[in-house]
């Protein structure tokens, strides 16, 4: 059964069924769970998700300068301090447990590498499709220390709002992105805001029982997509478990894709890629890009 068939044919039930699950594809230290050309079309505005993890003793030097446009990236750094730099002029150290938000907009380049002395780095990188009003806006970066990431119960609010906790990052459209930790046997219910019909979880440690959902528990390294509905999701941890959860109002635009970019039209993509080339040429003149 194809992804499209599985997602389109799920019948509505009183509890939200898991309609698709994947372990993605592994590329060295990165497991790609969602791409714009596959699940991203069904989970938009969440159009891309990587789970990354590597030991620095293996020679992994991080992620060199690379561009984006038309999207925002959110990196949830679970473990390991990293050095960052971007072409908005920001640079510094992001501590483990912190968040990097990069609204690429009309075009930006950025980079990240393990800080000196760090032995292991792990985290998730998410791409969010921007609305037409922001897809070619000036680039904006926000870096949050662990103490600046609000928490409600077991959930840290990376984007959006949950309970009384609200992220300092301005969400470009109605969406929540949470990092949740549950102890063995702990139950947790997530009630999404009205209209948040997109819903998914990705587990990075432990095993997550998804209430009455079909298909059984979601294991570490796996992403599960729930049927489109804004009804509650019930979870129980099998062993100490950590995962990220996304819910949102569905992005209403087509996904028009470049190599590092996602826009709503060919014209806005062309504009973003032109800015990427312009900034890249400047970086080469400065000797910062080969």
C-alpha atoms as a PDB file:
ATOM      1  CA  UNK A   1       0.000   0.000   0.000  1.00  0.00           C
ATOM      2  CA  UNK A   2       1.386   3.418  -0.937  1.00  0.00           C
ATOM      3  CA  UNK A   3       1.761   6.288   1.517  1.00  0.00           C
ATOM      4  CA  UNK A   4      -1.027   8.184  -0.231  1.00  0.00           C
ATOM      5  CA  UNK A   5      -3.408   5.218  -0.132  1.00  0.00           C
ATOM      6  CA  UNK A   6      -2.714   4.473   3.527  1.00  0.00           C
ATOM      7  CA  UNK A   7      -3.263   8.048   4.615  1.00  0.00           C
ATOM      8  CA  UNK A   8      -6.277   8.719   2.417  1.00  0.00           C
ATOM      9  CA  UNK A   9      -8.182   5.544   3.208  1.00  0.00           C
ATOM     10  CA  UNK A  10      -8.109   5.644   7.023  1.00  0.00           C
ATOM     11  CA  UNK A  11     -11.641   5.667   8.407  1.00  0.00           C
ATOM     12  CA  UNK A  12     -12.572   8.114  11.155  1.00  0.00           C
ATOM     13  CA  UNK A  13     -12.891   6.516  14.593  1.00  0.00           C
ATOM     14  CA  UNK A  14     -13.666   7.774  18.085  1.00  0.00           C
ATOM     15  CA  UNK A  15      -9.965   7.515  18.908  1.00  0.00           C
ATOM     16  CA  UNK A  16      -7.308   8.595  16.462  1.00  0.00           C
ATOM     17  CA  UNK A  17      -5.764   5.654  14.694  1.00  0.00           C
ATOM     18  CA  UNK A  18      -2.182   5.478  13.520  1.00  0.00           C
ATOM     19  CA  UNK A  19      -2.565   5.477   9.747  1.00  0.00           C
ATOM     20  CA  UNK A  20       1.085   5.339   8.751  1.00  0.00           C
ATOM     21  CA  UNK A  21       4.417   4.629  10.386  1.00  0.00           C
ATOM     22  CA  UNK A  22       7.975   4.700   9.167  1.00  0.00           C
ATOM     23  CA  UNK A  23      11.592   4.292  10.234  1.00  0.00           C
ATOM     24  CA  UNK A  24      12.630   6.590   7.411  1.00  0.00           C
ATOM     25  CA  UNK A  25      15.933   6.219   5.616  1.00  0.00           C
ATOM     26  CA  UNK A  26      19.348   6.319   7.249  1.00  0.00           C
ATOM     27  CA  UNK A  27      22.173   8.425   5.839  1.00  0.00           C
ATOM     28  CA  UNK A  28      25.173   8.019   8.127  1.00  0.00           C
ATOM     29  CA  UNK A  29      24.419   9.867  11.369  1.00  0.00           C
ATOM     30  CA  UNK A  30      21.027  11.083  10.097  1.00  0.00           C
ATOM     31  CA  UNK A  31      17.693   9.268   9.903  1.00  0.00           C
ATOM     32  CA  UNK A  32      15.340  11.092   7.538  1.00  0.00           C
ATOM     33  CA  UNK A  33      11.791  10.475   8.775  1.00  0.00           C
ATOM     34  CA  UNK A  34       9.894  13.017   6.643  1.00  0.00           C
ATOM     35  CA  UNK A  35      10.732  14.687   3.326  1.00  0.00           C
ATOM     36  CA  UNK A  36       8.716  17.290   1.369  1.00  0.00           C
ATOM     37  CA  UNK A  37       8.290  14.836  -1.518  1.00  0.00           C
ATOM     38  CA  UNK A  38       6.711  12.077   0.591  1.00  0.00           C
ATOM     39  CA  UNK A  39       5.087  12.462   4.020  1.00  0.00           C
ATOM     40  CA  UNK A  40       5.594  16.223   3.979  1.00  0.00           C
ATOM     41  CA  UNK A  41       2.687  16.569   1.572  1.00  0.00           C
ATOM     42  CA  UNK A  42       0.374  14.969   4.171  1.00  0.00           C
ATOM     43  CA  UNK A  43       1.895  16.516   7.302  1.00  0.00           C
ATOM     44  CA  UNK A  44       2.363  20.080   6.002  1.00  0.00           C
ATOM     45  CA  UNK A  45       3.204  22.565   7.466  1.00  0.00           C
ATOM     46  CA  UNK A  46       5.618  19.947   8.890  1.00  0.00           C
ATOM     47  CA  UNK A  47       7.462  19.046   5.702  1.00  0.00           C
ATOM     48  CA  UNK A  48      10.767  17.523   6.825  1.00  0.00           C
ATOM     49  CA  UNK A  49      12.108  15.794   9.946  1.00  0.00           C
ATOM     50  CA  UNK A  50      15.576  14.419  10.652  1.00  0.00           C
ATOM     51  CA  UNK A  51      16.691  12.556  13.762  1.00  0.00           C
ATOM     52  CA  UNK A  52      20.453  12.957  14.046  1.00  0.00           C
ATOM     53  CA  UNK A  53      22.986  11.526  16.465  1.00  0.00           C
ATOM     54  CA  UNK A  54      26.724  10.993  16.316  1.00  0.00           C
ATOM     55  CA  UNK A  55      29.837  10.596  18.444  1.00  0.00           C
ATOM     56  CA  UNK A  56      32.462  13.223  17.720  1.00  0.00           C
ATOM     57  CA  UNK A  57      35.247  10.659  18.162  1.00  0.00           C
ATOM     58  CA  UNK A  58      34.115   9.239  14.819  1.00  0.00           C
ATOM     59  CA  UNK A  59      35.318  12.366  13.043  1.00  0.00           C
ATOM     60  CA  UNK A  60      31.885  13.883  12.395  1.00  0.00           C
ATOM     61  CA  UNK A  61      32.437  17.628  12.154  1.00  0.00           C
ATOM     62  CA  UNK A  62      28.807  18.717  12.050  1.00  0.00           C
ATOM     63  CA  UNK A  63      26.939  20.416   9.241  1.00  0.00           C
ATOM     64  CA  UNK A  64      28.824  22.834   6.986  1.00  0.00           C
ATOM     65  CA  UNK A  65      27.431  26.054   5.546  1.00  0.00           C
ATOM     66  CA  UNK A  66      24.274  25.300   3.578  1.00  0.00           C
ATOM     67  CA  UNK A  67      21.297  27.375   2.363  1.00  0.00           C
ATOM     68  CA  UNK A  68      17.506  27.424   2.758  1.00  0.00           C
ATOM     69  CA  UNK A  69      14.608  29.545   1.555  1.00  0.00           C
ATOM     70  CA  UNK A  70      10.829  29.512   1.909  1.00  0.00           C
ATOM     71  CA  UNK A  71      10.847  27.511   5.150  1.00  0.00           C
ATOM     72  CA  UNK A  72      11.801  27.768   8.788  1.00  0.00           C
ATOM     73  CA  UNK A  73      14.016  25.171  10.439  1.00  0.00           C
ATOM     74  CA  UNK A  74      13.738  24.288  14.110  1.00  0.00           C
ATOM     75  CA  UNK A  75      16.549  22.275  15.673  1.00  0.00           C
ATOM     76  CA  UNK A  76      15.830  20.713  19.072  1.00  0.00           C
ATOM     77  CA  UNK A  77      19.250  19.885  20.498  1.00  0.00           C
ATOM     78  CA  UNK A  78      18.676  16.967  22.856  1.00  0.00           C
ATOM     79  CA  UNK A  79      22.322  16.423  23.746  1.00  0.00           C
ATOM     80  CA  UNK A  80      25.658  18.127  23.081  1.00  0.00           C
ATOM     81  CA  UNK A  81      26.579  21.823  22.838  1.00  0.00           C
ATOM     82  CA  UNK A  82      27.066  23.104  19.283  1.00  0.00           C
ATOM     83  CA  UNK A  83      28.669  26.115  17.636  1.00  0.00           C
ATOM     84  CA  UNK A  84      26.377  28.029  15.275  1.00  0.00           C
ATOM     85  CA  UNK A  85      26.754  30.774  12.700  1.00  0.00           C
ATOM     86  CA  UNK A  86      24.342  32.184  10.138  1.00  0.00           C
ATOM     87  CA  UNK A  87      24.266  34.902   7.514  1.00  0.00           C
ATOM     88  CA  UNK A  88      21.947  37.104   9.568  1.00  0.00           C
ATOM     89  CA  UNK A  89      25.127  37.824  11.562  1.00  0.00           C
ATOM     90  CA  UNK A  90      24.418  35.598  14.553  1.00  0.00           C
ATOM     91  CA  UNK A  91      27.025  33.229  15.998  1.00  0.00           C
ATOM     92  CA  UNK A  92      27.623  31.548  19.335  1.00  0.00           C
ATOM     93  CA  UNK A  93      27.124  28.325  21.284  1.00  0.00           C
ATOM     94  CA  UNK A  94      23.772  26.538  21.545  1.00  0.00           C
ATOM     95  CA  UNK A  95      23.650  24.455  24.716  1.00  0.00           C
ATOM     96  CA  UNK A  96      22.250  20.936  24.841  1.00  0.00           C
ATOM     97  CA  UNK A  97      18.526  21.241  25.545  1.00  0.00           C
ATOM     98  CA  UNK A  98      18.337  24.488  23.558  1.00  0.00           C
ATOM     99  CA  UNK A  99      16.467  25.390  20.381  1.00  0.00           C
ATOM    100  CA  UNK A 100      17.583  26.990  17.121  1.00  0.00           C
ATOM    101  CA  UNK A 101      14.908  28.665  14.989  1.00  0.00           C
ATOM    102  CA  UNK A 102      15.915  29.793  11.541  1.00  0.00           C
ATOM    103  CA  UNK A 103      13.218  31.455   9.453  1.00  0.00           C
ATOM    104  CA  UNK A 104      14.994  31.257   6.131  1.00  0.00           C
ATOM    105  CA  UNK A 105      12.387  33.339   4.316  1.00  0.00           C
ATOM    106  CA  UNK A 106      13.913  34.828   1.182  1.00  0.00           C
ATOM    107  CA  UNK A 107      17.211  33.012   1.719  1.00  0.00           C
ATOM    108  CA  UNK A 108      19.861  32.287   4.342  1.00  0.00           C
ATOM    109  CA  UNK A 109      22.973  30.163   4.909  1.00  0.00           C
ATOM    110  CA  UNK A 110      23.848  28.604   8.266  1.00  0.00           C
ATOM    111  CA  UNK A 111      26.137  26.057   9.859  1.00  0.00           C
ATOM    112  CA  UNK A 112      26.505  24.023  13.048  1.00  0.00           C
ATOM    113  CA  UNK A 113      29.337  21.996  14.569  1.00  0.00           C
ATOM    114  CA  UNK A 114      30.035  20.270  17.901  1.00  0.00           C
ATOM    115  CA  UNK A 115      31.542  22.596  20.496  1.00  0.00           C
ATOM    116  CA  UNK A 116      35.084  21.731  21.678  1.00  0.00           C
ATOM    117  CA  UNK A 117      35.112  18.841  24.149  1.00  0.00           C
ATOM    118  CA  UNK A 118      31.635  17.577  23.238  1.00  0.00           C
ATOM    119  CA  UNK A 119      31.593  13.791  22.790  1.00  0.00           C
ATOM    120  CA  UNK A 120      28.062  13.231  21.484  1.00  0.00           C
ATOM    121  CA  UNK A 121      25.406  15.278  19.705  1.00  0.00           C
ATOM    122  CA  UNK A 122      21.755  14.261  19.239  1.00  0.00           C
ATOM    123  CA  UNK A 123      18.622  16.069  18.186  1.00  0.00           C
ATOM    124  CA  UNK A 124      15.770  16.594  15.741  1.00  0.00           C
ATOM    125  CA  UNK A 125      15.669  19.058  12.868  1.00  0.00           C
ATOM    126  CA  UNK A 126      12.235  20.052  11.612  1.00  0.00           C
ATOM    127  CA  UNK A 127      11.317  22.095   8.544  1.00  0.00           C
ATOM    128  CA  UNK A 128       8.134  24.163   8.664  1.00  0.00           C
ATOM    129  CA  UNK A 129       6.501  25.426   5.453  1.00  0.00           C
ATOM    130  CA  UNK A 130       5.937  29.167   5.687  1.00  0.00           C
ATOM    131  CA  UNK A 131       2.766  30.970   4.623  1.00  0.00           C
ATOM    132  CA  UNK A 132       2.925  33.112   1.494  1.00  0.00           C
ATOM    133  CA  UNK A 133       3.258  36.261   3.624  1.00  0.00           C
ATOM    134  CA  UNK A 134       6.567  35.019   5.129  1.00  0.00           C
ATOM    135  CA  UNK A 135       8.166  32.761   2.524  1.00  0.00           C
ATOM    136  CA  UNK A 136      10.224  35.613   1.038  1.00  0.00           C
ATOM    137  CA  UNK A 137      10.500  37.739   4.173  1.00  0.00           C
ATOM    138  CA  UNK A 138      13.930  38.693   5.554  1.00  0.00           C
ATOM    139  CA  UNK A 139      15.733  35.833   7.308  1.00  0.00           C
ATOM    140  CA  UNK A 140      15.372  35.716  11.096  1.00  0.00           C
ATOM    141  CA  UNK A 141      17.208  33.538  13.624  1.00  0.00           C
ATOM    142  CA  UNK A 142      16.359  32.877  17.273  1.00  0.00           C
ATOM    143  CA  UNK A 143      18.501  30.812  19.637  1.00  0.00           C
ATOM    144  CA  UNK A 144      16.980  29.710  22.947  1.00  0.00           C
ATOM    145  CA  UNK A 145      18.986  28.435  25.922  1.00  0.00           C
ATOM    146  CA  UNK A 146      17.498  25.420  27.764  1.00  0.00           C
ATOM    147  CA  UNK A 147      16.161  27.736  30.485  1.00  0.00           C
ATOM    148  CA  UNK A 148      14.233  29.693  27.842  1.00  0.00           C
ATOM    149  CA  UNK A 149      12.263  26.668  26.619  1.00  0.00           C
ATOM    150  CA  UNK A 150       9.006  26.649  28.637  1.00  0.00           C
ATOM    151  CA  UNK A 151       7.535  23.474  30.100  1.00  0.00           C
ATOM    152  CA  UNK A 152       4.059  22.281  31.034  1.00  0.00           C
ATOM    153  CA  UNK A 153       3.958  18.902  32.783  1.00  0.00           C
ATOM    154  CA  UNK A 154       6.123  16.444  30.824  1.00  0.00           C
ATOM    155  CA  UNK A 155       6.116  18.600  27.670  1.00  0.00           C
ATOM    156  CA  UNK A 156       8.652  21.238  26.657  1.00  0.00           C
ATOM    157  CA  UNK A 157       7.076  23.706  24.234  1.00  0.00           C
ATOM    158  CA  UNK A 158       9.413  24.156  21.276  1.00  0.00           C
ATOM    159  CA  UNK A 159       6.846  25.978  19.145  1.00  0.00           C
ATOM    160  CA  UNK A 160       3.310  27.140  19.813  1.00  0.00           C
ATOM    161  CA  UNK A 161       1.495  26.805  23.133  1.00  0.00           C
ATOM    162  CA  UNK A 162       0.535  23.997  25.508  1.00  0.00           C
ATOM    163  CA  UNK A 163      -1.363  24.764  28.700  1.00  0.00           C
ATOM    164  CA  UNK A 164       0.147  27.889  30.266  1.00  0.00           C
ATOM    165  CA  UNK A 165       3.490  27.433  28.485  1.00  0.00           C
ATOM    166  CA  UNK A 166       4.119  29.376  25.274  1.00  0.00           C
ATOM    167  CA  UNK A 167       7.237  29.381  23.116  1.00  0.00           C
ATOM    168  CA  UNK A 168       9.115  32.647  22.618  1.00  0.00           C
ATOM    169  CA  UNK A 169       9.348  31.740  18.928  1.00  0.00           C
ATOM    170  CA  UNK A 170       6.526  33.265  16.870  1.00  0.00           C
ATOM    171  CA  UNK A 171       4.822  30.370  15.094  1.00  0.00           C
ATOM    172  CA  UNK A 172       4.149  31.326  11.458  1.00  0.00           C
ATOM    173  CA  UNK A 173       0.745  29.582  11.472  1.00  0.00           C
ATOM    174  CA  UNK A 174      -1.337  27.642  14.042  1.00  0.00           C
ATOM    175  CA  UNK A 175       0.894  24.759  15.194  1.00  0.00           C
ATOM    176  CA  UNK A 176       2.410  23.104  18.250  1.00  0.00           C
ATOM    177  CA  UNK A 177       5.699  21.255  18.455  1.00  0.00           C
ATOM    178  CA  UNK A 178       6.444  19.606  21.795  1.00  0.00           C
ATOM    179  CA  UNK A 179       9.311  17.542  23.236  1.00  0.00           C
ATOM    180  CA  UNK A 180       7.888  15.120  25.802  1.00  0.00           C
ATOM    181  CA  UNK A 181       9.511  12.875  28.418  1.00  0.00           C
ATOM    182  CA  UNK A 182       7.501  10.176  30.208  1.00  0.00           C
ATOM    183  CA  UNK A 183       8.631   7.766  32.909  1.00  0.00           C
ATOM    184  CA  UNK A 184       7.938   4.048  32.577  1.00  0.00           C
ATOM    185  CA  UNK A 185       4.191   3.445  32.888  1.00  0.00           C
ATOM    186  CA  UNK A 186       3.293   7.137  32.867  1.00  0.00           C
ATOM    187  CA  UNK A 187       0.144   8.147  30.959  1.00  0.00           C
ATOM    188  CA  UNK A 188      -0.274  11.466  29.153  1.00  0.00           C
ATOM    189  CA  UNK A 189      -3.115  12.910  27.093  1.00  0.00           C
ATOM    190  CA  UNK A 190      -2.624  15.610  24.477  1.00  0.00           C
ATOM    191  CA  UNK A 191      -5.698  17.571  23.439  1.00  0.00           C
ATOM    192  CA  UNK A 192      -4.833  19.633  20.355  1.00  0.00           C
ATOM    193  CA  UNK A 193      -6.351  23.057  19.746  1.00  0.00           C
ATOM    194  CA  UNK A 194      -9.436  23.132  17.541  1.00  0.00           C
ATOM    195  CA  UNK A 195      -8.525  22.760  13.877  1.00  0.00           C
ATOM    196  CA  UNK A 196      -5.183  21.030  14.512  1.00  0.00           C
ATOM    197  CA  UNK A 197      -6.051  18.059  12.318  1.00  0.00           C
ATOM    198  CA  UNK A 198      -2.426  17.210  11.450  1.00  0.00           C
ATOM    199  CA  UNK A 199      -0.820  15.048  14.128  1.00  0.00           C
ATOM    200  CA  UNK A 200       2.278  12.874  14.445  1.00  0.00           C
ATOM    201  CA  UNK A 201       4.897  11.636  16.923  1.00  0.00           C
ATOM    202  CA  UNK A 202       8.553  10.605  16.520  1.00  0.00           C
ATOM    203  CA  UNK A 203      10.223   8.616  19.311  1.00  0.00           C
ATOM    204  CA  UNK A 204      13.923   8.955  20.075  1.00  0.00           C
ATOM    205  CA  UNK A 205      14.125   6.808  23.222  1.00  0.00           C
ATOM    206  CA  UNK A 206      11.937   4.127  24.809  1.00  0.00           C
ATOM    207  CA  UNK A 207       8.631   2.831  23.464  1.00  0.00           C
ATOM    208  CA  UNK A 208       5.391   4.776  23.245  1.00  0.00           C
ATOM    209  CA  UNK A 209       1.978   3.197  23.509  1.00  0.00           C
ATOM    210  CA  UNK A 210      -0.506   5.325  21.587  1.00  0.00           C
ATOM    211  CA  UNK A 211      -3.700   4.697  23.534  1.00  0.00           C
ATOM    212  CA  UNK A 212      -6.223   2.680  21.554  1.00  0.00           C
ATOM    213  CA  UNK A 213      -4.542   3.451  18.247  1.00  0.00           C
ATOM    214  CA  UNK A 214      -4.188   0.681  15.719  1.00  0.00           C
ATOM    215  CA  UNK A 215      -0.806  -0.869  15.064  1.00  0.00           C
ATOM    216  CA  UNK A 216       0.718  -1.147  18.528  1.00  0.00           C
ATOM    217  CA  UNK A 217       3.436   0.881  20.253  1.00  0.00           C
ATOM    218  CA  UNK A 218       5.768   3.284  18.472  1.00  0.00           C
ATOM    219  CA  UNK A 219       9.410   2.304  18.969  1.00  0.00           C
ATOM    220  CA  UNK A 220      12.541   4.437  19.214  1.00  0.00           C
ATOM    221  CA  UNK A 221      13.576   5.641  15.775  1.00  0.00           C
ATOM    222  CA  UNK A 222      10.025   5.458  14.437  1.00  0.00           C
ATOM    223  CA  UNK A 223       7.539   8.120  13.322  1.00  0.00           C
ATOM    224  CA  UNK A 224       3.774   7.556  13.471  1.00  0.00           C
ATOM    225  CA  UNK A 225       1.119   9.607  11.660  1.00  0.00           C
ATOM    226  CA  UNK A 226      -2.378   9.905  13.120  1.00  0.00           C
ATOM    227  CA  UNK A 227      -5.569  10.184  11.118  1.00  0.00           C
ATOM    228  CA  UNK A 228      -6.686  13.732  10.400  1.00  0.00           C
ATOM    229  CA  UNK A 229      -8.808  14.900  13.321  1.00  0.00           C
ATOM    230  CA  UNK A 230      -8.504  17.306  16.232  1.00  0.00           C
ATOM    231  CA  UNK A 231      -9.553  14.775  18.875  1.00  0.00           C
ATOM    232  CA  UNK A 232      -7.264  13.939  21.794  1.00  0.00           C
ATOM    233  CA  UNK A 233      -4.277  11.594  21.700  1.00  0.00           C
ATOM    234  CA  UNK A 234      -3.542   9.242  24.606  1.00  0.00           C
ATOM    235  CA  UNK A 235      -0.071   7.880  25.355  1.00  0.00           C
ATOM    236  CA  UNK A 236       1.606   5.526  27.809  1.00  0.00           C
ATOM    237  CA  UNK A 237       5.350   4.964  28.189  1.00  0.00           C
ATOM    238  CA  UNK A 238       6.882   1.496  28.017  1.00  0.00           C
ATOM    239  CA  UNK A 239      10.171   2.225  29.738  1.00  0.00           C
ATOM    240  CA  UNK A 240      11.421   5.789  30.116  1.00  0.00           C
ATOM    241  CA  UNK A 241      10.396   7.380  26.828  1.00  0.00           C
ATOM    242  CA  UNK A 242      11.099  10.633  25.013  1.00  0.00           C
ATOM    243  CA  UNK A 243       9.540  11.839  21.787  1.00  0.00           C
ATOM    244  CA  UNK A 244       8.500  14.895  19.791  1.00  0.00           C
ATOM    245  CA  UNK A 245       4.907  15.601  18.806  1.00  0.00           C
ATOM    246  CA  UNK A 246       3.557  17.924  16.144  1.00  0.00           C
ATOM    247  CA  UNK A 247       0.009  19.176  15.623  1.00  0.00           C
ATOM    248  CA  UNK A 248      -1.192  21.909  13.302  1.00  0.00           C
ATOM    249  CA  UNK A 249      -3.833  23.373  11.055  1.00  0.00           C
ATOM    250  CA  UNK A 250      -3.013  21.974   7.627  1.00  0.00           C
ATOM    251  CA  UNK A 251      -0.898  24.188   5.344  1.00  0.00           C
ATOM    252  CA  UNK A 252      -3.244  25.182   2.463  1.00  0.00           C
ATOM    253  CA  UNK A 253      -0.616  25.656  -0.262  1.00  0.00           C
ATOM    254  CA  UNK A 254       1.115  23.335  -2.694  1.00  0.00           C
ATOM    255  CA  UNK A 255       4.735  22.452  -1.915  1.00  0.00           C
ATOM    256  CA  UNK A 256       7.013  23.763  -4.665  1.00  0.00           C
ATOM    257  CA  UNK A 257      10.457  22.361  -3.993  1.00  0.00           C
ATOM    258  CA  UNK A 258      14.057  23.265  -4.630  1.00  0.00           C
ATOM    259  CA  UNK A 259      17.052  21.391  -3.256  1.00  0.00           C
ATOM    260  CA  UNK A 260      17.104  23.150   0.141  1.00  0.00           C
ATOM    261  CA  UNK A 261      13.893  25.127  -0.267  1.00  0.00           C
ATOM    262  CA  UNK A 262      10.106  24.774  -0.176  1.00  0.00           C
ATOM    263  CA  UNK A 263       7.835  27.548  -1.456  1.00  0.00           C
ATOM    264  CA  UNK A 264       4.195  28.027  -2.455  1.00  0.00           C
ATOM    265  CA  UNK A 265       4.858  28.857  -6.130  1.00  0.00           C
ATOM    266  CA  UNK A 266       7.530  28.660  -8.814  1.00  0.00           C
ATOM    267  CA  UNK A 267       7.923  32.446  -8.787  1.00  0.00           C
ATOM    268  CA  UNK A 268       8.596  32.625  -5.041  1.00  0.00           C
ATOM    269  CA  UNK A 269      10.981  29.648  -5.300  1.00  0.00           C
ATOM    270  CA  UNK A 270      12.911  31.388  -8.089  1.00  0.00           C
ATOM    271  CA  UNK A 271      13.160  34.520  -5.944  1.00  0.00           C
ATOM    272  CA  UNK A 272      14.453  32.570  -2.935  1.00  0.00           C
ATOM    273  CA  UNK A 273      16.987  30.604  -4.968  1.00  0.00           C
ATOM    274  CA  UNK A 274      18.270  33.824  -6.534  1.00  0.00           C
ATOM    275  CA  UNK A 275      18.920  35.208  -3.046  1.00  0.00           C
ATOM    276  CA  UNK A 276      20.651  31.973  -2.041  1.00  0.00           C
ATOM    277  CA  UNK A 277      22.973  32.323  -5.042  1.00  0.00           C
ATOM    278  CA  UNK A 278      23.665  35.973  -4.232  1.00  0.00           C
ATOM    279  CA  UNK A 279      24.572  35.252  -0.614  1.00  0.00           C
ATOM    280  CA  UNK A 280      26.585  32.188  -1.639  1.00  0.00           C
ATOM    281  CA  UNK A 281      28.647  34.273  -4.074  1.00  0.00           C
ATOM    282  CA  UNK A 282      29.406  36.755  -1.296  1.00  0.00           C
ATOM    283  CA  UNK A 283      30.493  33.940   1.023  1.00  0.00           C
ATOM    284  CA  UNK A 284      32.865  32.654  -1.660  1.00  0.00           C
ATOM    285  CA  UNK A 285      34.355  36.132  -2.137  1.00  0.00           C
ATOM    286  CA  UNK A 286      34.966  36.254   1.606  1.00  0.00           C
ATOM    287  CA  UNK A 287      36.638  32.819   1.525  1.00  0.00           C
ATOM    288  CA  UNK A 288      33.982  31.273   3.808  1.00  0.00           C
ATOM    289  CA  UNK A 289      32.638  28.885   1.169  1.00  0.00           C
ATOM    290  CA  UNK A 290      34.581  26.660  -1.195  1.00  0.00           C
END
